Amino acid sequence: MEQQFVVENIKCGGCMSSIKTALLKLEGVAEVSIDKEIDTVTVTGTMNREDVVNKLNDLGYPEKGNNTLIRKAKSYVNCAIGRMTEND
């Protein structure tokens, strides 16, 4: 099953790296692809949609229309972490 999420706050490859790493740890997630240009995260597998939405919220990348200042701040932190780990 493939599910697509239109999200906020994807700024760079660091963001994409953090999102992909975190979502691949969720039960049932087999593949994650991200299109930064249109702010979409596509997840393939047998995962629960709510689990993916909750993880994206926790990371600071909520679905469009659900952004808050705290989520935006979280996205900057996860962006920085993603930048550090994508160069490993």
PDB file of N, CA and C in Angstrom:
ATOM      1  N   MET A   1       0.848  -1.171   0.000  1.00  0.00           N
ATOM      2  CA  MET A   1       0.000   0.000   0.000  1.00  0.00           C
ATOM      3  C   MET A   1       0.898   1.241   0.000  1.00  0.00           C
ATOM      4  N   GLU A   2       0.519   2.217  -0.800  1.00  0.00           N
ATOM      5  CA  GLU A   2       1.264   3.476  -0.872  1.00  0.00           C
ATOM      6  C   GLU A   2       0.386   4.606  -0.352  1.00  0.00           C
ATOM      7  N   GLN A   3       0.975   5.438   0.500  1.00  0.00           N
ATOM      8  CA  GLN A   3       0.261   6.598   1.029  1.00  0.00           C
ATOM      9  C   GLN A   3       1.120   7.826   0.822  1.00  0.00           C
ATOM     10  N   GLN A   4       0.469   8.927   0.468  1.00  0.00           N
ATOM     11  CA  GLN A   4       1.193  10.169   0.226  1.00  0.00           C
ATOM     12  C   GLN A   4       0.746  11.223   1.231  1.00  0.00           C
ATOM     13  N   PHE A   5       1.722  11.987   1.709  1.00  0.00           N
ATOM     14  CA  PHE A   5       1.479  13.030   2.696  1.00  0.00           C
ATOM     15  C   PHE A   5       2.052  14.336   2.161  1.00  0.00           C
ATOM     16  N   VAL A   6       1.248  15.386   2.148  1.00  0.00           N
ATOM     17  CA  VAL A   6       1.724  16.715   1.776  1.00  0.00           C
ATOM     18  C   VAL A   6       2.041  17.420   3.087  1.00  0.00           C
ATOM     19  N   VAL A   7       3.317  17.779   3.258  1.00  0.00           N
ATOM     20  CA  VAL A   7       3.780  18.256   4.562  1.00  0.00           C
ATOM     21  C   VAL A   7       4.378  19.658   4.494  1.00  0.00           C
ATOM     22  N   GLU A   8       4.620  20.211   5.654  1.00  0.00           N
ATOM     23  CA  GLU A   8       5.236  21.532   5.804  1.00  0.00           C
ATOM     24  C   GLU A   8       6.705  21.378   6.198  1.00  0.00           C
ATOM     25  N   ASN A   9       7.482  22.422   5.962  1.00  0.00           N
ATOM     26  CA  ASN A   9       8.828  22.618   6.531  1.00  0.00           C
ATOM     27  C   ASN A   9       9.965  21.825   5.900  1.00  0.00           C
ATOM     28  N   ILE A  10       9.773  21.147   4.769  1.00  0.00           N
ATOM     29  CA  ILE A  10      10.904  20.466   4.133  1.00  0.00           C
ATOM     30  C   ILE A  10      11.745  21.529   3.435  1.00  0.00           C
ATOM     31  N   LYS A  11      12.975  21.688   3.904  1.00  0.00           N
ATOM     32  CA  LYS A  11      13.827  22.752   3.389  1.00  0.00           C
ATOM     33  C   LYS A  11      15.007  22.246   2.568  1.00  0.00           C
ATOM     34  N   CYS A  12      15.502  21.039   2.865  1.00  0.00           N
ATOM     35  CA  CYS A  12      16.744  20.608   2.226  1.00  0.00           C
ATOM     36  C   CYS A  12      16.927  19.094   2.354  1.00  0.00           C
ATOM     37  N   GLY A  13      18.082  18.646   1.900  1.00  0.00           N
ATOM     38  CA  GLY A  13      18.424  17.234   1.997  1.00  0.00           C
ATOM     39  C   GLY A  13      18.533  16.742   3.428  1.00  0.00           C
ATOM     40  N   GLY A  14      18.917  17.629   4.343  1.00  0.00           N
ATOM     41  CA  GLY A  14      18.985  17.246   5.754  1.00  0.00           C
ATOM     42  C   GLY A  14      17.611  16.891   6.296  1.00  0.00           C
ATOM     43  N   CYS A  15      16.623  17.694   5.926  1.00  0.00           N
ATOM     44  CA  CYS A  15      15.244  17.402   6.329  1.00  0.00           C
ATOM     45  C   CYS A  15      14.810  16.047   5.770  1.00  0.00           C
ATOM     46  N   MET A  16      15.100  15.859   4.483  1.00  0.00           N
ATOM     47  CA  MET A  16      14.693  14.624   3.819  1.00  0.00           C
ATOM     48  C   MET A  16      15.370  13.412   4.456  1.00  0.00           C
ATOM     49  N   SER A  17      16.627  13.545   4.826  1.00  0.00           N
ATOM     50  CA  SER A  17      17.356  12.456   5.470  1.00  0.00           C
ATOM     51  C   SER A  17      16.744  12.102   6.825  1.00  0.00           C
ATOM     52  N   SER A  18      16.409  13.118   7.617  1.00  0.00           N
ATOM     53  CA  SER A  18      15.798  12.878   8.936  1.00  0.00           C
ATOM     54  C   SER A  18      14.440  12.201   8.803  1.00  0.00           C
ATOM     55  N   ILE A  19      13.643  12.676   7.864  1.00  0.00           N
ATOM     56  CA  ILE A  19      12.310  12.096   7.656  1.00  0.00           C
ATOM     57  C   ILE A  19      12.434  10.633   7.246  1.00  0.00           C
ATOM     58  N   LYS A  20      13.262  10.378   6.252  1.00  0.00           N
ATOM     59  CA  LYS A  20      13.403   9.014   5.738  1.00  0.00           C
ATOM     60  C   LYS A  20      13.914   8.062   6.814  1.00  0.00           C
ATOM     61  N   THR A  21      14.943   8.467   7.536  1.00  0.00           N
ATOM     62  CA  THR A  21      15.516   7.623   8.587  1.00  0.00           C
ATOM     63  C   THR A  21      14.474   7.284   9.650  1.00  0.00           C
ATOM     64  N   ALA A  22      13.726   8.289  10.093  1.00  0.00           N
ATOM     65  CA  ALA A  22      12.731   8.068  11.152  1.00  0.00           C
ATOM     66  C   ALA A  22      11.561   7.206  10.678  1.00  0.00           C
ATOM     67  N   LEU A  23      11.075   7.466   9.474  1.00  0.00           N
ATOM     68  CA  LEU A  23       9.914   6.710   8.988  1.00  0.00           C
ATOM     69  C   LEU A  23      10.259   5.257   8.697  1.00  0.00           C
ATOM     70  N   LEU A  24      11.476   5.003   8.235  1.00  0.00           N
ATOM     71  CA  LEU A  24      11.867   3.618   7.956  1.00  0.00           C
ATOM     72  C   LEU A  24      11.954   2.777   9.231  1.00  0.00           C
ATOM     73  N   LYS A  25      12.006   3.421  10.390  1.00  0.00           N
ATOM     74  CA  LYS A  25      12.018   2.704  11.667  1.00  0.00           C
ATOM     75  C   LYS A  25      10.621   2.306  12.132  1.00  0.00           C
ATOM     76  N   LEU A  26       9.586   2.881  11.505  1.00  0.00           N
ATOM     77  CA  LEU A  26       8.215   2.547  11.894  1.00  0.00           C
ATOM     78  C   LEU A  26       7.840   1.155  11.387  1.00  0.00           C
ATOM     79  N   GLU A  27       7.065   0.455  12.193  1.00  0.00           N
ATOM     80  CA  GLU A  27       6.602  -0.874  11.813  1.00  0.00           C
ATOM     81  C   GLU A  27       5.773  -0.805  10.532  1.00  0.00           C
ATOM     82  N   GLY A  28       6.101  -1.653   9.597  1.00  0.00           N
ATOM     83  CA  GLY A  28       5.337  -1.755   8.359  1.00  0.00           C
ATOM     84  C   GLY A  28       5.805  -0.847   7.232  1.00  0.00           C
ATOM     85  N   VAL A  29       6.739   0.042   7.494  1.00  0.00           N
ATOM     86  CA  VAL A  29       7.230   0.934   6.445  1.00  0.00           C
ATOM     87  C   VAL A  29       8.332   0.224   5.669  1.00  0.00           C
ATOM     88  N   ALA A  30       8.128   0.088   4.359  1.00  0.00           N
ATOM     89  CA  ALA A  30       9.094  -0.598   3.509  1.00  0.00           C
ATOM     90  C   ALA A  30       9.942   0.381   2.705  1.00  0.00           C
ATOM     91  N   GLU A  31       9.338   1.499   2.305  1.00  0.00           N
ATOM     92  CA  GLU A  31      10.045   2.459   1.458  1.00  0.00           C
ATOM     93  C   GLU A  31       9.515   3.861   1.709  1.00  0.00           C
ATOM     94  N   VAL A  32      10.413   4.841   1.604  1.00  0.00           N
ATOM     95  CA  VAL A  32      10.039   6.249   1.773  1.00  0.00           C
ATOM     96  C   VAL A  32      10.679   7.038   0.642  1.00  0.00           C
ATOM     97  N   SER A  33       9.872   7.834  -0.049  1.00  0.00           N
ATOM     98  CA  SER A  33      10.430   8.749  -1.042  1.00  0.00           C
ATOM     99  C   SER A  33       9.881  10.145  -0.753  1.00  0.00           C
ATOM    100  N   ILE A  34      10.716  11.142  -1.033  1.00  0.00           N
ATOM    101  CA  ILE A  34      10.362  12.520  -0.688  1.00  0.00           C
ATOM    102  C   ILE A  34      10.623  13.412  -1.888  1.00  0.00           C
ATOM    103  N   ASP A  35       9.646  14.255  -2.198  1.00  0.00           N
ATOM    104  CA  ASP A  35       9.798  15.253  -3.255  1.00  0.00           C
ATOM    105  C   ASP A  35       9.732  16.631  -2.610  1.00  0.00           C
ATOM    106  N   LYS A  36      10.899  17.219  -2.424  1.00  0.00           N
ATOM    107  CA  LYS A  36      11.003  18.513  -1.733  1.00  0.00           C
ATOM    108  C   LYS A  36      10.307  19.623  -2.510  1.00  0.00           C
ATOM    109  N   GLU A  37      10.311  19.527  -3.837  1.00  0.00           N
ATOM    110  CA  GLU A  37       9.737  20.587  -4.674  1.00  0.00           C
ATOM    111  C   GLU A  37       8.224  20.730  -4.467  1.00  0.00           C
ATOM    112  N   ILE A  38       7.550  19.623  -4.209  1.00  0.00           N
ATOM    113  CA  ILE A  38       6.096  19.687  -4.001  1.00  0.00           C
ATOM    114  C   ILE A  38       5.701  19.268  -2.587  1.00  0.00           C
ATOM    115  N   ASP A  39       6.703  19.198  -1.691  1.00  0.00           N
ATOM    116  CA  ASP A  39       6.473  18.934  -0.264  1.00  0.00           C
ATOM    117  C   ASP A  39       5.684  17.660   0.003  1.00  0.00           C
ATOM    118  N   THR A  40       6.046  16.588  -0.692  1.00  0.00           N
ATOM    119  CA  THR A  40       5.341  15.330  -0.472  1.00  0.00           C
ATOM    120  C   THR A  40       6.265  14.251   0.053  1.00  0.00           C
ATOM    121  N   VAL A  41       5.704  13.442   0.929  1.00  0.00           N
ATOM    122  CA  VAL A  41       6.379  12.257   1.454  1.00  0.00           C
ATOM    123  C   VAL A  41       5.497  11.078   1.059  1.00  0.00           C
ATOM    124  N   THR A  42       6.070  10.138   0.329  1.00  0.00           N
ATOM    125  CA  THR A  42       5.330   8.951  -0.090  1.00  0.00           C
ATOM    126  C   THR A  42       5.903   7.755   0.656  1.00  0.00           C
ATOM    127  N   VAL A  43       5.013   7.015   1.310  1.00  0.00           N
ATOM    128  CA  VAL A  43       5.420   5.885   2.141  1.00  0.00           C
ATOM    129  C   VAL A  43       4.736   4.629   1.600  1.00  0.00           C
ATOM    130  N   THR A  44       5.533   3.580   1.435  1.00  0.00           N
ATOM    131  CA  THR A  44       5.025   2.305   0.941  1.00  0.00           C
ATOM    132  C   THR A  44       5.195   1.247   2.019  1.00  0.00           C
ATOM    133  N   GLY A  45       4.165   0.424   2.201  1.00  0.00           N
ATOM    134  CA  GLY A  45       4.231  -0.658   3.171  1.00  0.00           C
ATOM    135  C   GLY A  45       2.864  -0.938   3.761  1.00  0.00           C
ATOM    136  N   THR A  46       2.872  -1.587   4.908  1.00  0.00           N
ATOM    137  CA  THR A  46       1.628  -1.970   5.581  1.00  0.00           C
ATOM    138  C   THR A  46       1.418  -1.157   6.851  1.00  0.00           C
ATOM    139  N   MET A  47       1.994   0.057   6.868  1.00  0.00           N
ATOM    140  CA  MET A  47       1.968   0.895   8.063  1.00  0.00           C
ATOM    141  C   MET A  47       0.588   1.501   8.302  1.00  0.00           C
ATOM    142  N   ASN A  48       0.423   1.966   9.527  1.00  0.00           N
ATOM    143  CA  ASN A  48      -0.778   2.668   9.939  1.00  0.00           C
ATOM    144  C   ASN A  48      -0.591   4.156   9.607  1.00  0.00           C
ATOM    145  N   ARG A  49      -1.528   4.751   8.889  1.00  0.00           N
ATOM    146  CA  ARG A  49      -1.426   6.155   8.483  1.00  0.00           C
ATOM    147  C   ARG A  49      -1.229   7.072   9.698  1.00  0.00           C
ATOM    148  N   GLU A  50      -1.951   6.818  10.754  1.00  0.00           N
ATOM    149  CA  GLU A  50      -1.858   7.656  11.950  1.00  0.00           C
ATOM    150  C   GLU A  50      -0.453   7.626  12.554  1.00  0.00           C
ATOM    151  N   ASP A  51       0.207   6.476  12.516  1.00  0.00           N
ATOM    152  CA  ASP A  51       1.578   6.374  13.029  1.00  0.00           C
ATOM    153  C   ASP A  51       2.527   7.254  12.219  1.00  0.00           C
ATOM    154  N   VAL A  52       2.340   7.271  10.903  1.00  0.00           N
ATOM    155  CA  VAL A  52       3.191   8.097  10.043  1.00  0.00           C
ATOM    156  C   VAL A  52       2.937   9.572  10.309  1.00  0.00           C
ATOM    157  N   VAL A  53       1.668   9.970  10.398  1.00  0.00           N
ATOM    158  CA  VAL A  53       1.322  11.366  10.675  1.00  0.00           C
ATOM    159  C   VAL A  53       1.893  11.800  12.019  1.00  0.00           C
ATOM    160  N   ASN A  54       1.769  10.959  13.029  1.00  0.00           N
ATOM    161  CA  ASN A  54       2.308  11.291  14.359  1.00  0.00           C
ATOM    162  C   ASN A  54       3.815  11.446  14.334  1.00  0.00           C
ATOM    163  N   LYS A  55       4.517  10.560  13.613  1.00  0.00           N
ATOM    164  CA  LYS A  55       5.975  10.652  13.529  1.00  0.00           C
ATOM    165  C   LYS A  55       6.382  11.920  12.785  1.00  0.00           C
ATOM    166  N   LEU A  56       5.701  12.237  11.689  1.00  0.00           N
ATOM    167  CA  LEU A  56       5.994  13.472  10.956  1.00  0.00           C
ATOM    168  C   LEU A  56       5.771  14.692  11.853  1.00  0.00           C
ATOM    169  N   ASN A  57       4.687  14.696  12.622  1.00  0.00           N
ATOM    170  CA  ASN A  57       4.430  15.790  13.568  1.00  0.00           C
ATOM    171  C   ASN A  57       5.551  15.906  14.588  1.00  0.00           C
ATOM    172  N   ASP A  58       5.973  14.759  15.151  1.00  0.00           N
ATOM    173  CA  ASP A  58       7.044  14.752  16.154  1.00  0.00           C
ATOM    174  C   ASP A  58       8.344  15.315  15.593  1.00  0.00           C
ATOM    175  N   LEU A  59       8.589  15.068  14.312  1.00  0.00           N
ATOM    176  CA  LEU A  59       9.813  15.543  13.665  1.00  0.00           C
ATOM    177  C   LEU A  59       9.738  17.021  13.264  1.00  0.00           C
ATOM    178  N   GLY A  60       8.510  17.573  13.226  1.00  0.00           N
ATOM    179  CA  GLY A  60       8.339  18.964  12.817  1.00  0.00           C
ATOM    180  C   GLY A  60       7.920  19.129  11.378  1.00  0.00           C
ATOM    181  N   TYR A  61       7.394  18.054  10.777  1.00  0.00           N
ATOM    182  CA  TYR A  61       6.954  18.086   9.381  1.00  0.00           C
ATOM    183  C   TYR A  61       5.479  17.657   9.302  1.00  0.00           C
ATOM    184  N   PRO A  62       4.586  18.499   9.819  1.00  0.00           N
ATOM    185  CA  PRO A  62       3.165  18.138   9.841  1.00  0.00           C
ATOM    186  C   PRO A  62       2.539  18.227   8.449  1.00  0.00           C
ATOM    187  N   GLU A  63       1.373  17.615   8.313  1.00  0.00           N
ATOM    188  CA  GLU A  63       0.632  17.749   7.066  1.00  0.00           C
ATOM    189  C   GLU A  63       0.277  19.217   6.853  1.00  0.00           C
ATOM    190  N   LYS A  64       0.170  19.619   5.594  1.00  0.00           N
ATOM    191  CA  LYS A  64      -0.151  21.012   5.248  1.00  0.00           C
ATOM    192  C   LYS A  64      -1.346  21.501   6.044  1.00  0.00           C
ATOM    193  N   GLY A  65      -1.217  22.709   6.560  1.00  0.00           N
ATOM    194  CA  GLY A  65      -2.300  23.327   7.310  1.00  0.00           C
ATOM    195  C   GLY A  65      -2.258  23.058   8.799  1.00  0.00           C
ATOM    196  N   ASN A  66      -1.310  22.234   9.249  1.00  0.00           N
ATOM    197  CA  ASN A  66      -1.231  21.879  10.666  1.00  0.00           C
ATOM    198  C   ASN A  66       0.073  22.338  11.310  1.00  0.00           C
ATOM    199  N   ASN A  67       0.705  23.339  10.737  1.00  0.00           N
ATOM    200  CA  ASN A  67       1.989  23.799  11.244  1.00  0.00           C
ATOM    201  C   ASN A  67       1.814  24.677  12.484  1.00  0.00           C
ATOM    202  N   THR A  68       2.793  24.614  13.374  1.00  0.00           N
ATOM    203  CA  THR A  68       2.838  25.479  14.551  1.00  0.00           C
ATOM    204  C   THR A  68       4.284  25.962  14.700  1.00  0.00           C
ATOM    205  N   LEU A  69       4.488  26.941  15.528  1.00  0.00           N
ATOM    206  CA  LEU A  69       5.832  27.447  15.772  1.00  0.00           C
ATOM    207  C   LEU A  69       6.728  26.362  16.362  1.00  0.00           C
ATOM    208  N   ILE A  70       6.184  25.554  17.243  1.00  0.00           N
ATOM    209  CA  ILE A  70       6.966  24.471  17.860  1.00  0.00           C
ATOM    210  C   ILE A  70       7.360  23.433  16.811  1.00  0.00           C
ATOM    211  N   ARG A  71       6.450  23.070  15.936  1.00  0.00           N
ATOM    212  CA  ARG A  71       6.780  22.097  14.886  1.00  0.00           C
ATOM    213  C   ARG A  71       7.831  22.659  13.936  1.00  0.00           C
ATOM    214  N   LYS A  72       7.722  23.938  13.642  1.00  0.00           N
ATOM    215  CA  LYS A  72       8.717  24.566  12.770  1.00  0.00           C
ATOM    216  C   LYS A  72      10.099  24.522  13.420  1.00  0.00           C
ATOM    217  N   ALA A  73      10.155  24.798  14.717  1.00  0.00           N
ATOM    218  CA  ALA A  73      11.427  24.738  15.447  1.00  0.00           C
ATOM    219  C   ALA A  73      11.981  23.313  15.443  1.00  0.00           C
ATOM    220  N   LYS A  74      11.119  22.322  15.654  1.00  0.00           N
ATOM    221  CA  LYS A  74      11.558  20.927  15.631  1.00  0.00           C
ATOM    222  C   LYS A  74      12.130  20.563  14.271  1.00  0.00           C
ATOM    223  N   SER A  75      11.524  21.108  13.207  1.00  0.00           N
ATOM    224  CA  SER A  75      12.013  20.777  11.869  1.00  0.00           C
ATOM    225  C   SER A  75      13.429  21.300  11.668  1.00  0.00           C
ATOM    226  N   TYR A  76      13.747  22.463  12.239  1.00  0.00           N
ATOM    227  CA  TYR A  76      15.104  22.994  12.118  1.00  0.00           C
ATOM    228  C   TYR A  76      16.114  22.106  12.836  1.00  0.00           C
ATOM    229  N   VAL A  77      15.742  21.604  13.997  1.00  0.00           N
ATOM    230  CA  VAL A  77      16.626  20.707  14.748  1.00  0.00           C
ATOM    231  C   VAL A  77      16.844  19.416  13.953  1.00  0.00           C
ATOM    232  N   ASN A  78      15.767  18.825  13.444  1.00  0.00           N
ATOM    233  CA  ASN A  78      15.892  17.584  12.695  1.00  0.00           C
ATOM    234  C   ASN A  78      16.598  17.791  11.364  1.00  0.00           C
ATOM    235  N   CYS A  79      16.461  18.973  10.792  1.00  0.00           N
ATOM    236  CA  CYS A  79      17.189  19.313   9.577  1.00  0.00           C
ATOM    237  C   CYS A  79      18.692  19.266   9.849  1.00  0.00           C
ATOM    238  N   ALA A  80      19.110  19.884  10.939  1.00  0.00           N
ATOM    239  CA  ALA A  80      20.531  19.908  11.304  1.00  0.00           C
ATOM    240  C   ALA A  80      21.050  18.496  11.565  1.00  0.00           C
ATOM    241  N   ILE A  81      20.266  17.685  12.257  1.00  0.00           N
ATOM    242  CA  ILE A  81      20.659  16.307  12.524  1.00  0.00           C
ATOM    243  C   ILE A  81      20.786  15.547  11.212  1.00  0.00           C
ATOM    244  N   GLY A  82      19.829  15.748  10.323  1.00  0.00           N
ATOM    245  CA  GLY A  82      19.865  15.079   9.021  1.00  0.00           C
ATOM    246  C   GLY A  82      21.076  15.471   8.198  1.00  0.00           C
ATOM    247  N   ARG A  83      21.459  16.737   8.281  1.00  0.00           N
ATOM    248  CA  ARG A  83      22.649  17.198   7.548  1.00  0.00           C
ATOM    249  C   ARG A  83      23.905  16.513   8.061  1.00  0.00           C
ATOM    250  N   MET A  84      23.972  16.339   9.378  1.00  0.00           N
ATOM    251  CA  MET A  84      25.158  15.693   9.969  1.00  0.00           C
ATOM    252  C   MET A  84      25.215  14.215   9.585  1.00  0.00           C
ATOM    253  N   THR A  85      24.074  13.548   9.587  1.00  0.00           N
ATOM    254  CA  THR A  85      24.069  12.106   9.313  1.00  0.00           C
ATOM    255  C   THR A  85      24.135  11.794   7.826  1.00  0.00           C
ATOM    256  N   GLU A  86      23.701  12.713   6.954  1.00  0.00           N
ATOM    257  CA  GLU A  86      23.745  12.405   5.524  1.00  0.00           C
ATOM    258  C   GLU A  86      25.165  12.433   4.989  1.00  0.00           C
ATOM    259  N   ASN A  87      26.075  13.040   5.727  1.00  0.00           N
ATOM    260  CA  ASN A  87      27.477  13.097   5.302  1.00  0.00           C
ATOM    261  C   ASN A  87      28.307  11.957   5.884  1.00  0.00           C
ATOM    262  N   ASP A  88      27.691  11.091   6.693  1.00  0.00           N
ATOM    263  CA  ASP A  88      28.421   9.957   7.300  1.00  0.00           C
ATOM    264  C   ASP A  88      28.741   8.906   6.261  1.00  0.00           C
TER     265      ASP A  88
END
